[in-house]
Amino acid sequence: MNNKLIDRGDMCLHCRQDTKFGSGKFVNRYPAEIHNEVWGDERGYCCDDCEQAYYKNNKEEKWELNT
């Protein structure tokens, strides 16, 4: 098992585009991590475009808020 953590900075972990201030993807980004036992875990962000694509492709999943 690889315990290495790769910090990708302001990069979207899915599309690999920049999410820093001024990129147009800064406002709707959120911190994210991808766990990979072979290459090491990655830390960075997920942009809104990738998040919306995920929800569009996974409509059968239902999210419930615990209030």
PDB file of N, CA and C in Angstrom:
ATOM      1  N   MET A   1       0.840  -1.189   0.000  1.00  0.00           N
ATOM      2  CA  MET A   1       0.000   0.000   0.000  1.00  0.00           C
ATOM      3  C   MET A   1       0.881   1.247   0.000  1.00  0.00           C
ATOM      4  N   ASN A   2       0.507   2.216  -0.809  1.00  0.00           N
ATOM      5  CA  ASN A   2       1.273   3.440  -0.964  1.00  0.00           C
ATOM      6  C   ASN A   2       0.628   4.547  -0.137  1.00  0.00           C
ATOM      7  N   ASN A   3       1.356   5.107   0.825  1.00  0.00           N
ATOM      8  CA  ASN A   3       0.818   6.160   1.691  1.00  0.00           C
ATOM      9  C   ASN A   3       1.182   7.548   1.200  1.00  0.00           C
ATOM     10  N   LYS A   4       1.701   7.663  -0.006  1.00  0.00           N
ATOM     11  CA  LYS A   4       2.132   8.934  -0.558  1.00  0.00           C
ATOM     12  C   LYS A   4       0.924   9.836  -0.852  1.00  0.00           C
ATOM     13  N   LEU A   5       1.030  11.114  -0.476  1.00  0.00           N
ATOM     14  CA  LEU A   5      -0.024  12.093  -0.745  1.00  0.00           C
ATOM     15  C   LEU A   5       0.510  13.101  -1.748  1.00  0.00           C
ATOM     16  N   ILE A   6      -0.156  13.211  -2.874  1.00  0.00           N
ATOM     17  CA  ILE A   6       0.237  14.144  -3.922  1.00  0.00           C
ATOM     18  C   ILE A   6      -0.692  15.345  -3.859  1.00  0.00           C
ATOM     19  N   ASP A   7      -0.138  16.517  -3.585  1.00  0.00           N
ATOM     20  CA  ASP A   7      -0.927  17.743  -3.525  1.00  0.00           C
ATOM     21  C   ASP A   7      -0.947  18.363  -4.918  1.00  0.00           C
ATOM     22  N   ARG A   8      -2.122  18.409  -5.537  1.00  0.00           N
ATOM     23  CA  ARG A   8      -2.273  18.946  -6.886  1.00  0.00           C
ATOM     24  C   ARG A   8      -2.577  20.436  -6.893  1.00  0.00           C
ATOM     25  N   GLY A   9      -2.538  21.081  -5.739  1.00  0.00           N
ATOM     26  CA  GLY A   9      -2.755  22.529  -5.666  1.00  0.00           C
ATOM     27  C   GLY A   9      -4.158  22.916  -6.087  1.00  0.00           C
ATOM     28  N   ASP A  10      -4.262  23.816  -7.063  1.00  0.00           N
ATOM     29  CA  ASP A  10      -5.553  24.317  -7.518  1.00  0.00           C
ATOM     30  C   ASP A  10      -6.131  23.521  -8.691  1.00  0.00           C
ATOM     31  N   MET A  11      -5.570  22.368  -8.987  1.00  0.00           N
ATOM     32  CA  MET A  11      -6.019  21.568 -10.123  1.00  0.00           C
ATOM     33  C   MET A  11      -7.282  20.768  -9.783  1.00  0.00           C
ATOM     34  N   CYS A  12      -8.203  20.682 -10.753  1.00  0.00           N
ATOM     35  CA  CYS A  12      -9.352  19.786 -10.605  1.00  0.00           C
ATOM     36  C   CYS A  12      -8.830  18.364 -10.754  1.00  0.00           C
ATOM     37  N   LEU A  13      -9.147  17.505  -9.819  1.00  0.00           N
ATOM     38  CA  LEU A  13      -8.634  16.140  -9.835  1.00  0.00           C
ATOM     39  C   LEU A  13      -9.245  15.291 -10.934  1.00  0.00           C
ATOM     40  N   HIS A  14     -10.327  15.750 -11.539  1.00  0.00           N
ATOM     41  CA  HIS A  14     -11.012  14.959 -12.558  1.00  0.00           C
ATOM     42  C   HIS A  14     -10.657  15.397 -13.975  1.00  0.00           C
ATOM     43  N   CYS A  15     -10.785  16.676 -14.275  1.00  0.00           N
ATOM     44  CA  CYS A  15     -10.496  17.164 -15.635  1.00  0.00           C
ATOM     45  C   CYS A  15      -9.105  17.759 -15.760  1.00  0.00           C
ATOM     46  N   ARG A  16      -8.393  17.918 -14.627  1.00  0.00           N
ATOM     47  CA  ARG A  16      -7.031  18.436 -14.576  1.00  0.00           C
ATOM     48  C   ARG A  16      -6.911  19.897 -15.027  1.00  0.00           C
ATOM     49  N   GLN A  17      -8.019  20.642 -15.018  1.00  0.00           N
ATOM     50  CA  GLN A  17      -7.972  22.061 -15.348  1.00  0.00           C
ATOM     51  C   GLN A  17      -7.727  22.881 -14.091  1.00  0.00           C
ATOM     52  N   ASP A  18      -7.207  24.073 -14.277  1.00  0.00           N
ATOM     53  CA  ASP A  18      -6.891  24.971 -13.180  1.00  0.00           C
ATOM     54  C   ASP A  18      -8.167  25.553 -12.580  1.00  0.00           C
ATOM     55  N   THR A  19      -8.245  25.618 -11.256  1.00  0.00           N
ATOM     56  CA  THR A  19      -9.411  26.198 -10.578  1.00  0.00           C
ATOM     57  C   THR A  19      -9.039  27.410  -9.737  1.00  0.00           C
ATOM     58  N   LYS A  20      -7.833  27.962  -9.949  1.00  0.00           N
ATOM     59  CA  LYS A  20      -7.405  29.094  -9.127  1.00  0.00           C
ATOM     60  C   LYS A  20      -8.211  30.350  -9.448  1.00  0.00           C
ATOM     61  N   PHE A  21      -8.088  31.352  -8.580  1.00  0.00           N
ATOM     62  CA  PHE A  21      -8.792  32.617  -8.746  1.00  0.00           C
ATOM     63  C   PHE A  21      -8.458  33.199 -10.118  1.00  0.00           C
ATOM     64  N   GLY A  22      -9.481  33.600 -10.852  1.00  0.00           N
ATOM     65  CA  GLY A  22      -9.301  34.161 -12.180  1.00  0.00           C
ATOM     66  C   GLY A  22      -9.443  33.146 -13.300  1.00  0.00           C
ATOM     67  N   SER A  23      -9.579  31.868 -12.953  1.00  0.00           N
ATOM     68  CA  SER A  23      -9.685  30.818 -13.969  1.00  0.00           C
ATOM     69  C   SER A  23     -11.111  30.648 -14.485  1.00  0.00           C
ATOM     70  N   GLY A  24     -12.091  31.212 -13.757  1.00  0.00           N
ATOM     71  CA  GLY A  24     -13.494  30.994 -14.110  1.00  0.00           C
ATOM     72  C   GLY A  24     -14.084  29.773 -13.431  1.00  0.00           C
ATOM     73  N   LYS A  25     -13.259  29.020 -12.729  1.00  0.00           N
ATOM     74  CA  LYS A  25     -13.724  27.820 -12.025  1.00  0.00           C
ATOM     75  C   LYS A  25     -13.498  27.919 -10.518  1.00  0.00           C
ATOM     76  N   PHE A  26     -13.128  29.088 -10.034  1.00  0.00           N
ATOM     77  CA  PHE A  26     -12.779  29.259  -8.630  1.00  0.00           C
ATOM     78  C   PHE A  26     -13.989  29.226  -7.700  1.00  0.00           C
ATOM     79  N   VAL A  27     -15.065  29.882  -8.071  1.00  0.00           N
ATOM     80  CA  VAL A  27     -16.195  30.083  -7.167  1.00  0.00           C
ATOM     81  C   VAL A  27     -16.902  28.777  -6.809  1.00  0.00           C
ATOM     82  N   ASN A  28     -17.109  27.889  -7.751  1.00  0.00           N
ATOM     83  CA  ASN A  28     -17.875  26.666  -7.497  1.00  0.00           C
ATOM     84  C   ASN A  28     -17.017  25.433  -7.289  1.00  0.00           C
ATOM     85  N   ARG A  29     -15.770  25.593  -6.928  1.00  0.00           N
ATOM     86  CA  ARG A  29     -14.912  24.446  -6.654  1.00  0.00           C
ATOM     87  C   ARG A  29     -15.048  24.033  -5.194  1.00  0.00           C
ATOM     88  N   TYR A  30     -14.642  22.817  -4.894  1.00  0.00           N
ATOM     89  CA  TYR A  30     -14.590  22.395  -3.494  1.00  0.00           C
ATOM     90  C   TYR A  30     -13.420  21.445  -3.297  1.00  0.00           C
ATOM     91  N   PRO A  31     -12.866  21.395  -2.093  1.00  0.00           N
ATOM     92  CA  PRO A  31     -11.730  20.508  -1.831  1.00  0.00           C
ATOM     93  C   PRO A  31     -12.111  19.044  -2.062  1.00  0.00           C
ATOM     94  N   ALA A  32     -11.181  18.281  -2.623  1.00  0.00           N
ATOM     95  CA  ALA A  32     -11.454  16.875  -2.928  1.00  0.00           C
ATOM     96  C   ALA A  32     -10.181  16.056  -2.752  1.00  0.00           C
ATOM     97  N   GLU A  33     -10.376  14.764  -2.543  1.00  0.00           N
ATOM     98  CA  GLU A  33      -9.272  13.807  -2.480  1.00  0.00           C
ATOM     99  C   GLU A  33      -9.659  12.567  -3.262  1.00  0.00           C
ATOM    100  N   ILE A  34      -8.685  11.992  -3.928  1.00  0.00           N
ATOM    101  CA  ILE A  34      -8.877  10.722  -4.621  1.00  0.00           C
ATOM    102  C   ILE A  34      -7.924   9.734  -3.972  1.00  0.00           C
ATOM    103  N   HIS A  35      -8.451   8.598  -3.574  1.00  0.00           N
ATOM    104  CA  HIS A  35      -7.646   7.569  -2.912  1.00  0.00           C
ATOM    105  C   HIS A  35      -7.241   6.507  -3.928  1.00  0.00           C
ATOM    106  N   ASN A  36      -5.952   6.309  -4.089  1.00  0.00           N
ATOM    107  CA  ASN A  36      -5.419   5.347  -5.038  1.00  0.00           C
ATOM    108  C   ASN A  36      -4.285   4.597  -4.354  1.00  0.00           C
ATOM    109  N   GLU A  37      -4.456   3.309  -4.169  1.00  0.00           N
ATOM    110  CA  GLU A  37      -3.456   2.516  -3.452  1.00  0.00           C
ATOM    111  C   GLU A  37      -2.184   2.310  -4.260  1.00  0.00           C
ATOM    112  N   VAL A  38      -2.242   2.429  -5.570  1.00  0.00           N
ATOM    113  CA  VAL A  38      -1.074   2.185  -6.410  1.00  0.00           C
ATOM    114  C   VAL A  38      -0.212   3.434  -6.558  1.00  0.00           C
ATOM    115  N   TRP A  39      -0.820   4.545  -6.981  1.00  0.00           N
ATOM    116  CA  TRP A  39      -0.064   5.754  -7.288  1.00  0.00           C
ATOM    117  C   TRP A  39       0.065   6.712  -6.121  1.00  0.00           C
ATOM    118  N   GLY A  40      -0.769   6.576  -5.133  1.00  0.00           N
ATOM    119  CA  GLY A  40      -0.780   7.498  -4.010  1.00  0.00           C
ATOM    120  C   GLY A  40      -2.042   8.336  -4.037  1.00  0.00           C
ATOM    121  N   ASP A  41      -2.408   8.851  -2.903  1.00  0.00           N
ATOM    122  CA  ASP A  41      -3.613   9.670  -2.798  1.00  0.00           C
ATOM    123  C   ASP A  41      -3.346  11.057  -3.361  1.00  0.00           C
ATOM    124  N   GLU A  42      -4.370  11.645  -3.962  1.00  0.00           N
ATOM    125  CA  GLU A  42      -4.246  12.979  -4.531  1.00  0.00           C
ATOM    126  C   GLU A  42      -5.166  13.936  -3.789  1.00  0.00           C
ATOM    127  N   ARG A  43      -4.679  15.136  -3.558  1.00  0.00           N
ATOM    128  CA  ARG A  43      -5.466  16.181  -2.913  1.00  0.00           C
ATOM    129  C   ARG A  43      -5.498  17.377  -3.855  1.00  0.00           C
ATOM    130  N   GLY A  44      -6.666  17.982  -4.000  1.00  0.00           N
ATOM    131  CA  GLY A  44      -6.827  19.151  -4.863  1.00  0.00           C
ATOM    132  C   GLY A  44      -8.256  19.652  -4.768  1.00  0.00           C
ATOM    133  N   TYR A  45      -8.868  19.897  -5.904  1.00  0.00           N
ATOM    134  CA  TYR A  45     -10.236  20.409  -5.946  1.00  0.00           C
ATOM    135  C   TYR A  45     -11.051  19.657  -6.986  1.00  0.00           C
ATOM    136  N   CYS A  46     -12.354  19.813  -6.923  1.00  0.00           N
ATOM    137  CA  CYS A  46     -13.279  19.337  -7.943  1.00  0.00           C
ATOM    138  C   CYS A  46     -14.021  20.562  -8.455  1.00  0.00           C
ATOM    139  N   CYS A  47     -14.033  20.756  -9.774  1.00  0.00           N
ATOM    140  CA  CYS A  47     -14.729  21.918 -10.339  1.00  0.00           C
ATOM    141  C   CYS A  47     -16.213  21.593 -10.515  1.00  0.00           C
ATOM    142  N   ASP A  48     -17.011  22.623 -10.674  1.00  0.00           N
ATOM    143  CA  ASP A  48     -18.453  22.454 -10.811  1.00  0.00           C
ATOM    144  C   ASP A  48     -18.811  21.697 -12.085  1.00  0.00           C
ATOM    145  N   ASP A  49     -18.067  21.875 -13.169  1.00  0.00           N
ATOM    146  CA  ASP A  49     -18.353  21.151 -14.412  1.00  0.00           C
ATOM    147  C   ASP A  49     -18.270  19.643 -14.190  1.00  0.00           C
ATOM    148  N   CYS A  50     -17.243  19.187 -13.506  1.00  0.00           N
ATOM    149  CA  CYS A  50     -17.086  17.748 -13.227  1.00  0.00           C
ATOM    150  C   CYS A  50     -18.159  17.258 -12.257  1.00  0.00           C
ATOM    151  N   GLU A  51     -18.503  18.083 -11.282  1.00  0.00           N
ATOM    152  CA  GLU A  51     -19.544  17.700 -10.323  1.00  0.00           C
ATOM    153  C   GLU A  51     -20.896  17.541 -11.015  1.00  0.00           C
ATOM    154  N   GLN A  52     -21.237  18.489 -11.889  1.00  0.00           N
ATOM    155  CA  GLN A  52     -22.513  18.417 -12.615  1.00  0.00           C
ATOM    156  C   GLN A  52     -22.542  17.224 -13.566  1.00  0.00           C
ATOM    157  N   ALA A  53     -21.428  16.923 -14.216  1.00  0.00           N
ATOM    158  CA  ALA A  53     -21.341  15.754 -15.099  1.00  0.00           C
ATOM    159  C   ALA A  53     -21.541  14.473 -14.299  1.00  0.00           C
ATOM    160  N   TYR A  54     -20.981  14.419 -13.091  1.00  0.00           N
ATOM    161  CA  TYR A  54     -21.160  13.245 -12.236  1.00  0.00           C
ATOM    162  C   TYR A  54     -22.638  13.043 -11.889  1.00  0.00           C
ATOM    163  N   TYR A  55     -23.305  14.117 -11.466  1.00  0.00           N
ATOM    164  CA  TYR A  55     -24.725  14.008 -11.119  1.00  0.00           C
ATOM    165  C   TYR A  55     -25.570  13.633 -12.325  1.00  0.00           C
ATOM    166  N   LYS A  56     -25.234  14.158 -13.496  1.00  0.00           N
ATOM    167  CA  LYS A  56     -25.980  13.844 -14.720  1.00  0.00           C
ATOM    168  C   LYS A  56     -25.836  12.367 -15.071  1.00  0.00           C
ATOM    169  N   ASN A  57     -24.639  11.813 -14.882  1.00  0.00           N
ATOM    170  CA  ASN A  57     -24.374  10.418 -15.236  1.00  0.00           C
ATOM    171  C   ASN A  57     -24.764   9.424 -14.149  1.00  0.00           C
ATOM    172  N   ASN A  58     -25.113   9.909 -12.963  1.00  0.00           N
ATOM    173  CA  ASN A  58     -25.473   9.031 -11.845  1.00  0.00           C
ATOM    174  C   ASN A  58     -26.813   9.442 -11.250  1.00  0.00           C
ATOM    175  N   LYS A  59     -27.810   9.568 -12.095  1.00  0.00           N
ATOM    176  CA  LYS A  59     -29.125  10.020 -11.646  1.00  0.00           C
ATOM    177  C   LYS A  59     -29.795   9.050 -10.686  1.00  0.00           C
ATOM    178  N   GLU A  60     -29.439   7.762 -10.759  1.00  0.00           N
ATOM    179  CA  GLU A  60     -30.090   6.777  -9.907  1.00  0.00           C
ATOM    180  C   GLU A  60     -29.702   6.917  -8.438  1.00  0.00           C
ATOM    181  N   GLU A  61     -28.571   7.566  -8.187  1.00  0.00           N
ATOM    182  CA  GLU A  61     -28.168   7.782  -6.805  1.00  0.00           C
ATOM    183  C   GLU A  61     -29.005   8.904  -6.198  1.00  0.00           C
ATOM    184  N   LYS A  62     -29.522   8.680  -5.036  1.00  0.00           N
ATOM    185  CA  LYS A  62     -30.320   9.699  -4.363  1.00  0.00           C
ATOM    186  C   LYS A  62     -29.564  10.180  -3.145  1.00  0.00           C
ATOM    187  N   TRP A  63     -29.479  11.495  -3.021  1.00  0.00           N
ATOM    188  CA  TRP A  63     -28.783  12.096  -1.892  1.00  0.00           C
ATOM    189  C   TRP A  63     -29.815  12.637  -0.927  1.00  0.00           C
ATOM    190  N   GLU A  64     -29.634  12.324   0.338  1.00  0.00           N
ATOM    191  CA  GLU A  64     -30.543  12.828   1.361  1.00  0.00           C
ATOM    192  C   GLU A  64     -29.774  13.690   2.341  1.00  0.00           C
ATOM    193  N   LEU A  65     -30.378  14.793   2.733  1.00  0.00           N
ATOM    194  CA  LEU A  65     -29.768  15.659   3.728  1.00  0.00           C
ATOM    195  C   LEU A  65     -30.287  15.266   5.092  1.00  0.00           C
ATOM    196  N   ASN A  66     -29.404  15.134   6.036  1.00  0.00           N
ATOM    197  CA  ASN A  66     -29.808  14.835   7.415  1.00  0.00           C
ATOM    198  C   ASN A  66     -30.050  16.159   8.136  1.00  0.00           C
ATOM    199  N   THR A  67     -31.294  16.481   8.332  1.00  0.00           N
ATOM    200  CA  THR A  67     -31.619  17.745   9.002  1.00  0.00           C
ATOM    201  C   THR A  67     -32.297  17.485  10.316  1.00  0.00           C
TER     202      THR A  67
END
